[in-house]
Amino acid sequence: MRISVSSDMDEPIALDLVGELRARGHEVVLHGALLPGDDSRWAACSGAAAREVADGSADQAVVCCWTGTGASIAANKVPGVRAALCTDAYTAAGARRWNDANVLALSLRLTSGPLLKEILDAWFTTEAGEDPDDRENVARVGRLDHGGPTR
């Protein structure tokens, strides 16, 4: 899988993330502080990673900033992106299952090495669910991307 990764700081956990994704066999595309000379502001690098998911040049993305909040907000401004800020494995699994999230947002401050692995395990082993209510909610979110009604 091709994963676009952004971080506004080259904190050790961001570097661990890149290494862990590569160890799992993913092709990793870097943005922000992870790519020398790139714009490392969280809005810019998170937006760049999210746009790659939206345009199909990446299968998914992981966006990081100190709290994860700014990175998730920026990514969610890109039409077609459903970014979820996940601080534990249960939230990551739920984001994939119920929300068909395609961008994982992480906090550089709160995420430890062991927790990172648990979150990634849950994220990559959980598929989008087939529950009709969940699928309809995801479709409603897609209509919001285009200014349409959610009904």
N, C-alpha and C. Protein backbone atom coordinates (compact mmCIF):
# COMPACT_ATOMS: atom_id res chain seq x y z
N MET A 1 0.85 -1.17 0.00
CA MET A 1 0.00 0.00 0.00
C MET A 1 0.90 1.24 0.00
N ARG A 2 0.47 2.26 -0.72
CA ARG A 2 1.21 3.52 -0.75
C ARG A 2 0.59 4.45 0.29
N ILE A 3 1.41 4.88 1.26
CA ILE A 3 0.95 5.68 2.39
C ILE A 3 1.67 7.02 2.37
N SER A 4 0.90 8.09 2.34
CA SER A 4 1.43 9.44 2.42
C SER A 4 1.52 9.82 3.89
N VAL A 5 2.68 10.28 4.34
CA VAL A 5 2.91 10.59 5.76
C VAL A 5 3.40 12.02 5.90
N SER A 6 2.77 12.75 6.81
CA SER A 6 3.22 14.11 7.08
C SER A 6 3.40 14.32 8.57
N SER A 7 4.32 15.20 8.89
CA SER A 7 4.52 15.63 10.27
C SER A 7 5.08 17.04 10.24
N ASP A 8 4.63 17.85 11.18
CA ASP A 8 5.15 19.21 11.24
C ASP A 8 6.45 19.30 12.05
N MET A 9 6.83 18.18 12.67
CA MET A 9 8.09 18.11 13.42
C MET A 9 8.71 16.73 13.20
N ASP A 10 10.02 16.68 13.24
CA ASP A 10 10.68 15.37 13.07
C ASP A 10 10.92 14.74 14.44
N GLU A 11 9.88 14.66 15.21
CA GLU A 11 9.92 14.02 16.53
C GLU A 11 10.24 12.53 16.37
N PRO A 12 10.81 11.92 17.39
CA PRO A 12 11.14 10.49 17.30
C PRO A 12 9.95 9.61 16.92
N ILE A 13 8.76 9.91 17.41
CA ILE A 13 7.60 9.06 17.09
C ILE A 13 7.24 9.17 15.60
N ALA A 14 7.45 10.33 15.00
CA ALA A 14 7.19 10.47 13.56
C ALA A 14 8.18 9.62 12.77
N LEU A 15 9.43 9.61 13.20
CA LEU A 15 10.43 8.78 12.54
C LEU A 15 10.14 7.30 12.77
N ASP A 16 9.68 6.96 13.98
CA ASP A 16 9.27 5.57 14.25
C ASP A 16 8.11 5.16 13.35
N LEU A 17 7.18 6.07 13.13
CA LEU A 17 6.03 5.81 12.26
C LEU A 17 6.50 5.44 10.85
N VAL A 18 7.39 6.22 10.31
CA VAL A 18 7.90 5.96 8.96
C VAL A 18 8.58 4.60 8.92
N GLY A 19 9.42 4.31 9.91
CA GLY A 19 10.10 3.02 9.96
C GLY A 19 9.14 1.85 10.10
N GLU A 20 8.13 2.02 10.94
CA GLU A 20 7.14 0.96 11.15
C GLU A 20 6.34 0.69 9.88
N LEU A 21 5.94 1.74 9.18
CA LEU A 21 5.19 1.56 7.93
C LEU A 21 6.04 0.84 6.89
N ARG A 22 7.29 1.23 6.78
CA ARG A 22 8.19 0.57 5.82
C ARG A 22 8.43 -0.89 6.21
N ALA A 23 8.58 -1.15 7.51
CA ALA A 23 8.78 -2.53 7.98
C ALA A 23 7.57 -3.40 7.68
N ARG A 24 6.40 -2.79 7.60
CA ARG A 24 5.18 -3.52 7.27
C ARG A 24 5.00 -3.68 5.76
N GLY A 25 5.95 -3.19 4.99
CA GLY A 25 5.92 -3.38 3.55
C GLY A 25 5.24 -2.29 2.76
N HIS A 26 4.92 -1.17 3.39
CA HIS A 26 4.25 -0.08 2.69
C HIS A 26 5.27 0.83 2.01
N GLU A 27 4.87 1.38 0.89
CA GLU A 27 5.64 2.44 0.25
C GLU A 27 5.23 3.74 0.94
N VAL A 28 6.19 4.51 1.39
CA VAL A 28 5.92 5.71 2.18
C VAL A 28 6.35 6.95 1.40
N VAL A 29 5.44 7.91 1.29
CA VAL A 29 5.71 9.20 0.66
C VAL A 29 5.74 10.24 1.78
N LEU A 30 6.83 10.99 1.87
CA LEU A 30 7.04 11.90 2.99
C LEU A 30 6.66 13.34 2.67
N HIS A 31 6.17 14.03 3.71
CA HIS A 31 5.81 15.45 3.62
C HIS A 31 6.21 16.16 4.90
N GLY A 32 6.35 17.47 4.81
CA GLY A 32 6.62 18.29 5.98
C GLY A 32 8.03 18.12 6.49
N ALA A 33 8.15 18.08 7.82
CA ALA A 33 9.47 17.99 8.46
C ALA A 33 10.19 16.69 8.14
N LEU A 34 9.48 15.72 7.62
CA LEU A 34 10.09 14.43 7.25
C LEU A 34 10.80 14.48 5.91
N LEU A 35 10.55 15.54 5.15
CA LEU A 35 11.15 15.70 3.83
C LEU A 35 11.93 17.02 3.82
N PRO A 36 13.25 16.96 3.85
CA PRO A 36 14.06 18.19 3.90
C PRO A 36 13.65 19.18 2.80
N GLY A 37 13.45 20.42 3.23
CA GLY A 37 13.09 21.49 2.30
C GLY A 37 11.60 21.64 2.06
N ASP A 38 10.79 20.71 2.55
CA ASP A 38 9.34 20.78 2.36
C ASP A 38 8.73 21.73 3.40
N ASP A 39 7.54 22.21 3.12
CA ASP A 39 6.82 23.09 4.04
C ASP A 39 6.37 22.26 5.24
N SER A 40 6.86 22.58 6.42
CA SER A 40 6.56 21.77 7.60
C SER A 40 5.41 22.32 8.44
N ARG A 41 4.76 23.38 8.00
CA ARG A 41 3.60 23.86 8.76
C ARG A 41 2.50 22.81 8.67
N TRP A 42 1.84 22.55 9.82
CA TRP A 42 0.90 21.42 9.89
C TRP A 42 -0.21 21.52 8.87
N ALA A 43 -0.72 22.71 8.60
CA ALA A 43 -1.81 22.83 7.62
C ALA A 43 -1.31 22.48 6.22
N ALA A 44 -0.11 22.91 5.89
CA ALA A 44 0.43 22.66 4.55
C ALA A 44 0.77 21.18 4.35
N CYS A 45 1.51 20.60 5.27
CA CYS A 45 1.95 19.22 5.04
C CYS A 45 0.81 18.22 5.22
N SER A 46 -0.11 18.47 6.14
CA SER A 46 -1.27 17.58 6.29
C SER A 46 -2.16 17.67 5.06
N GLY A 47 -2.35 18.88 4.56
CA GLY A 47 -3.14 19.05 3.34
C GLY A 47 -2.52 18.35 2.15
N ALA A 48 -1.20 18.42 2.03
CA ALA A 48 -0.52 17.75 0.91
C ALA A 48 -0.70 16.24 0.99
N ALA A 49 -0.55 15.67 2.18
CA ALA A 49 -0.73 14.22 2.33
C ALA A 49 -2.17 13.82 2.03
N ALA A 50 -3.12 14.59 2.52
CA ALA A 50 -4.53 14.28 2.28
C ALA A 50 -4.90 14.39 0.81
N ARG A 51 -4.35 15.38 0.12
CA ARG A 51 -4.64 15.53 -1.32
C ARG A 51 -4.19 14.30 -2.10
N GLU A 52 -3.11 13.68 -1.67
CA GLU A 52 -2.65 12.47 -2.36
C GLU A 52 -3.65 11.33 -2.21
N VAL A 53 -4.33 11.26 -1.07
CA VAL A 53 -5.39 10.26 -0.90
C VAL A 53 -6.56 10.62 -1.80
N ALA A 54 -6.94 11.87 -1.78
CA ALA A 54 -8.10 12.31 -2.57
C ALA A 54 -7.89 12.12 -4.07
N ASP A 55 -6.66 12.35 -4.55
CA ASP A 55 -6.44 12.21 -6.00
C ASP A 55 -6.03 10.80 -6.40
N GLY A 56 -5.92 9.90 -5.42
CA GLY A 56 -5.63 8.51 -5.73
C GLY A 56 -4.16 8.16 -5.86
N SER A 57 -3.26 9.12 -5.64
CA SER A 57 -1.84 8.79 -5.74
C SER A 57 -1.32 8.12 -4.46
N ALA A 58 -2.12 8.13 -3.39
CA ALA A 58 -1.82 7.37 -2.18
C ALA A 58 -3.09 6.63 -1.77
N ASP A 59 -2.90 5.44 -1.20
CA ASP A 59 -4.05 4.66 -0.75
C ASP A 59 -4.63 5.21 0.55
N GLN A 60 -3.75 5.63 1.43
CA GLN A 60 -4.14 6.21 2.71
C GLN A 60 -3.05 7.19 3.12
N ALA A 61 -3.32 7.91 4.22
CA ALA A 61 -2.31 8.82 4.75
C ALA A 61 -2.32 8.75 6.27
N VAL A 62 -1.18 9.15 6.84
CA VAL A 62 -1.06 9.35 8.27
C VAL A 62 -0.51 10.76 8.44
N VAL A 63 -1.25 11.61 9.15
CA VAL A 63 -0.85 12.99 9.35
C VAL A 63 -0.61 13.23 10.84
N CYS A 64 0.45 13.96 11.16
CA CYS A 64 0.84 14.14 12.55
C CYS A 64 1.13 15.60 12.85
N CYS A 65 0.76 16.01 14.04
CA CYS A 65 1.21 17.27 14.62
C CYS A 65 1.24 17.07 16.13
N TRP A 66 1.56 18.10 16.89
CA TRP A 66 1.78 17.91 18.33
C TRP A 66 0.59 17.25 19.00
N THR A 67 -0.63 17.78 18.77
CA THR A 67 -1.82 17.16 19.37
C THR A 67 -2.55 16.24 18.40
N GLY A 68 -2.32 16.39 17.12
CA GLY A 68 -3.04 15.65 16.10
C GLY A 68 -4.29 16.38 15.63
N THR A 69 -4.73 17.35 16.40
CA THR A 69 -5.96 18.07 16.08
C THR A 69 -5.82 18.90 14.81
N GLY A 70 -4.80 19.73 14.75
CA GLY A 70 -4.60 20.58 13.57
C GLY A 70 -4.42 19.76 12.31
N ALA A 71 -3.64 18.69 12.40
CA ALA A 71 -3.41 17.82 11.25
C ALA A 71 -4.72 17.22 10.77
N SER A 72 -5.58 16.79 11.70
CA SER A 72 -6.86 16.19 11.30
C SER A 72 -7.79 17.24 10.70
N ILE A 73 -7.80 18.44 11.26
CA ILE A 73 -8.65 19.51 10.71
C ILE A 73 -8.22 19.83 9.28
N ALA A 74 -6.92 20.01 9.08
CA ALA A 74 -6.42 20.34 7.73
C ALA A 74 -6.75 19.23 6.74
N ALA A 75 -6.51 17.99 7.12
CA ALA A 75 -6.78 16.87 6.21
C ALA A 75 -8.26 16.80 5.87
N ASN A 76 -9.12 17.04 6.83
CA ASN A 76 -10.56 16.95 6.59
C ASN A 76 -11.11 18.07 5.71
N LYS A 77 -10.33 19.08 5.43
CA LYS A 77 -10.75 20.13 4.50
C LYS A 77 -10.64 19.68 3.04
N VAL A 78 -9.96 18.59 2.80
CA VAL A 78 -9.77 18.08 1.44
C VAL A 78 -10.97 17.20 1.09
N PRO A 79 -11.73 17.55 0.05
CA PRO A 79 -12.89 16.73 -0.34
C PRO A 79 -12.50 15.28 -0.59
N GLY A 80 -13.30 14.38 -0.04
CA GLY A 80 -13.05 12.95 -0.21
C GLY A 80 -12.24 12.34 0.92
N VAL A 81 -11.72 13.17 1.80
CA VAL A 81 -10.91 12.68 2.91
C VAL A 81 -11.78 12.57 4.16
N ARG A 82 -11.59 11.46 4.86
CA ARG A 82 -12.23 11.23 6.16
C ARG A 82 -11.11 10.92 7.14
N ALA A 83 -10.59 11.97 7.77
CA ALA A 83 -9.47 11.83 8.70
C ALA A 83 -10.00 11.63 10.11
N ALA A 84 -9.35 10.73 10.84
CA ALA A 84 -9.74 10.44 12.22
C ALA A 84 -8.53 10.57 13.13
N LEU A 85 -8.68 11.38 14.17
CA LEU A 85 -7.65 11.51 15.19
C LEU A 85 -7.81 10.34 16.15
N CYS A 86 -6.81 9.48 16.19
CA CYS A 86 -6.90 8.25 16.99
C CYS A 86 -5.81 8.23 18.05
N THR A 87 -6.23 8.06 19.29
CA THR A 87 -5.29 7.99 20.40
C THR A 87 -5.20 6.60 21.00
N ASP A 88 -5.94 5.65 20.42
CA ASP A 88 -5.88 4.26 20.88
C ASP A 88 -6.35 3.34 19.76
N ALA A 89 -6.12 2.06 19.94
CA ALA A 89 -6.44 1.07 18.92
C ALA A 89 -7.95 0.94 18.71
N TYR A 90 -8.73 1.04 19.77
CA TYR A 90 -10.18 0.91 19.65
C TYR A 90 -10.75 2.02 18.76
N THR A 91 -10.27 3.24 18.97
CA THR A 91 -10.72 4.36 18.15
C THR A 91 -10.30 4.17 16.70
N ALA A 92 -9.09 3.68 16.48
CA ALA A 92 -8.61 3.44 15.11
C ALA A 92 -9.46 2.39 14.41
N ALA A 93 -9.77 1.30 15.09
CA ALA A 93 -10.61 0.26 14.49
C ALA A 93 -12.01 0.81 14.20
N GLY A 94 -12.57 1.56 15.12
CA GLY A 94 -13.90 2.14 14.90
C GLY A 94 -13.91 3.13 13.75
N ALA A 95 -12.85 3.92 13.64
CA ALA A 95 -12.77 4.90 12.54
C ALA A 95 -12.77 4.19 11.19
N ARG A 96 -12.08 3.08 11.11
CA ARG A 96 -12.07 2.32 9.85
C ARG A 96 -13.42 1.63 9.63
N ARG A 97 -13.93 0.95 10.64
CA ARG A 97 -15.15 0.14 10.50
C ARG A 97 -16.38 1.02 10.26
N TRP A 98 -16.61 2.00 11.11
CA TRP A 98 -17.86 2.75 11.08
C TRP A 98 -17.81 3.99 10.20
N ASN A 99 -16.59 4.57 10.05
CA ASN A 99 -16.47 5.83 9.32
C ASN A 99 -15.73 5.70 8.00
N ASP A 100 -15.22 4.51 7.68
CA ASP A 100 -14.42 4.29 6.48
C ASP A 100 -13.34 5.36 6.36
N ALA A 101 -12.69 5.67 7.49
CA ALA A 101 -11.64 6.69 7.50
C ALA A 101 -10.50 6.28 6.58
N ASN A 102 -9.98 7.25 5.84
CA ASN A 102 -8.88 6.98 4.93
C ASN A 102 -7.61 7.74 5.28
N VAL A 103 -7.68 8.55 6.33
CA VAL A 103 -6.51 9.26 6.84
C VAL A 103 -6.49 9.13 8.36
N LEU A 104 -5.38 8.66 8.86
CA LEU A 104 -5.16 8.51 10.29
C LEU A 104 -4.40 9.74 10.79
N ALA A 105 -4.93 10.41 11.80
CA ALA A 105 -4.22 11.53 12.43
C ALA A 105 -3.70 11.08 13.78
N LEU A 106 -2.45 11.43 14.06
CA LEU A 106 -1.80 11.03 15.31
C LEU A 106 -1.20 12.23 16.03
N SER A 107 -1.20 12.15 17.34
CA SER A 107 -0.55 13.14 18.18
C SER A 107 0.90 12.76 18.41
N LEU A 108 1.81 13.67 18.10
CA LEU A 108 3.22 13.42 18.38
C LEU A 108 3.48 13.44 19.88
N ARG A 109 2.66 14.14 20.61
CA ARG A 109 2.82 14.27 22.06
C ARG A 109 2.35 13.04 22.82
N LEU A 110 1.23 12.46 22.41
CA LEU A 110 0.60 11.39 23.18
C LEU A 110 0.95 9.97 22.73
N THR A 111 1.46 9.82 21.52
CA THR A 111 1.66 8.49 20.96
C THR A 111 3.04 7.94 21.32
N SER A 112 3.04 6.82 22.03
CA SER A 112 4.29 6.13 22.37
C SER A 112 4.56 5.08 21.29
N GLY A 113 5.75 4.50 21.33
CA GLY A 113 6.10 3.44 20.38
C GLY A 113 5.15 2.25 20.44
N PRO A 114 4.92 1.68 21.63
CA PRO A 114 4.00 0.54 21.71
C PRO A 114 2.57 0.91 21.28
N LEU A 115 2.12 2.09 21.67
CA LEU A 115 0.77 2.53 21.29
C LEU A 115 0.68 2.72 19.78
N LEU A 116 1.72 3.25 19.18
CA LEU A 116 1.75 3.43 17.73
C LEU A 116 1.52 2.09 17.03
N LYS A 117 2.21 1.05 17.45
CA LYS A 117 2.04 -0.27 16.83
C LYS A 117 0.62 -0.80 17.01
N GLU A 118 0.04 -0.60 18.18
CA GLU A 118 -1.34 -1.04 18.42
C GLU A 118 -2.32 -0.30 17.51
N ILE A 119 -2.13 1.01 17.39
CA ILE A 119 -3.01 1.80 16.52
C ILE A 119 -2.87 1.35 15.08
N LEU A 120 -1.65 1.18 14.61
CA LEU A 120 -1.43 0.75 13.22
C LEU A 120 -1.98 -0.65 12.98
N ASP A 121 -1.81 -1.56 13.95
CA ASP A 121 -2.39 -2.89 13.81
C ASP A 121 -3.90 -2.80 13.61
N ALA A 122 -4.56 -2.03 14.45
CA ALA A 122 -6.02 -1.88 14.35
C ALA A 122 -6.41 -1.22 13.04
N TRP A 123 -5.70 -0.18 12.66
CA TRP A 123 -6.02 0.58 11.45
C TRP A 123 -5.93 -0.30 10.21
N PHE A 124 -4.84 -1.06 10.10
CA PHE A 124 -4.60 -1.82 8.87
C PHE A 124 -5.29 -3.19 8.84
N THR A 125 -5.80 -3.65 9.96
CA THR A 125 -6.50 -4.93 9.94
C THR A 125 -8.02 -4.78 9.95
N THR A 126 -8.50 -3.57 10.07
CA THR A 126 -9.95 -3.34 10.10
C THR A 126 -10.41 -2.76 8.77
N GLU A 127 -11.39 -3.39 8.19
CA GLU A 127 -11.97 -2.93 6.93
C GLU A 127 -13.22 -2.09 7.21
N ALA A 128 -13.61 -1.31 6.24
CA ALA A 128 -14.87 -0.57 6.35
C ALA A 128 -16.01 -1.56 6.48
N GLY A 129 -16.90 -1.29 7.41
CA GLY A 129 -18.03 -2.18 7.64
C GLY A 129 -19.07 -2.08 6.54
N GLU A 130 -19.98 -3.03 6.53
CA GLU A 130 -21.03 -3.07 5.52
C GLU A 130 -22.41 -2.74 6.08
N ASP A 131 -22.47 -2.34 7.35
CA ASP A 131 -23.75 -1.98 7.95
C ASP A 131 -24.39 -0.85 7.14
N PRO A 132 -25.64 -1.01 6.72
CA PRO A 132 -26.29 0.01 5.87
C PRO A 132 -26.33 1.39 6.51
N ASP A 133 -26.55 1.47 7.81
CA ASP A 133 -26.56 2.78 8.47
C ASP A 133 -25.19 3.45 8.42
N ASP A 134 -24.16 2.66 8.64
CA ASP A 134 -22.81 3.21 8.57
C ASP A 134 -22.48 3.67 7.15
N ARG A 135 -22.81 2.86 6.15
CA ARG A 135 -22.54 3.23 4.76
C ARG A 135 -23.30 4.50 4.38
N GLU A 136 -24.55 4.63 4.86
CA GLU A 136 -25.33 5.84 4.57
C GLU A 136 -24.70 7.06 5.24
N ASN A 137 -24.21 6.91 6.45
CA ASN A 137 -23.55 8.04 7.11
C ASN A 137 -22.29 8.46 6.35
N VAL A 138 -21.52 7.51 5.87
CA VAL A 138 -20.32 7.84 5.09
C VAL A 138 -20.74 8.55 3.80
N ALA A 139 -21.80 8.10 3.17
CA ALA A 139 -22.31 8.76 1.96
C ALA A 139 -22.74 10.20 2.27
N ARG A 140 -23.36 10.40 3.42
CA ARG A 140 -23.78 11.75 3.82
C ARG A 140 -22.57 12.67 3.98
N VAL A 141 -21.52 12.15 4.56
CA VAL A 141 -20.30 12.94 4.70
C VAL A 141 -19.78 13.32 3.32
N GLY A 142 -19.82 12.39 2.38
CA GLY A 142 -19.39 12.68 1.02
C GLY A 142 -20.21 13.78 0.38
N ARG A 143 -21.49 13.82 0.66
CA ARG A 143 -22.33 14.89 0.12
C ARG A 143 -21.96 16.24 0.73
N LEU A 144 -21.50 16.25 1.95
CA LEU A 144 -21.05 17.50 2.57
C LEU A 144 -19.86 18.08 1.82
N ASP A 145 -19.00 17.20 1.27
CA ASP A 145 -17.84 17.67 0.49
C ASP A 145 -18.26 18.57 -0.65
N HIS A 146 -19.46 18.36 -1.15
CA HIS A 146 -19.92 19.10 -2.33
C HIS A 146 -21.03 20.10 -1.98
N GLY A 147 -21.18 20.37 -0.70
CA GLY A 147 -22.18 21.35 -0.26
C GLY A 147 -23.59 20.85 -0.34
N GLY A 148 -23.76 19.56 -0.54
CA GLY A 148 -25.09 18.99 -0.67
C GLY A 148 -25.75 18.73 0.67
N PRO A 149 -27.03 18.38 0.61
CA PRO A 149 -27.77 18.09 1.85
C PRO A 149 -27.29 16.76 2.45
N THR A 150 -27.46 16.62 3.74
CA THR A 150 -27.06 15.38 4.41
C THR A 150 -28.23 14.44 4.58
N ARG A 151 -29.38 14.80 4.11
CA ARG A 151 -30.57 13.96 4.24
C ARG A 151 -30.63 12.92 3.17
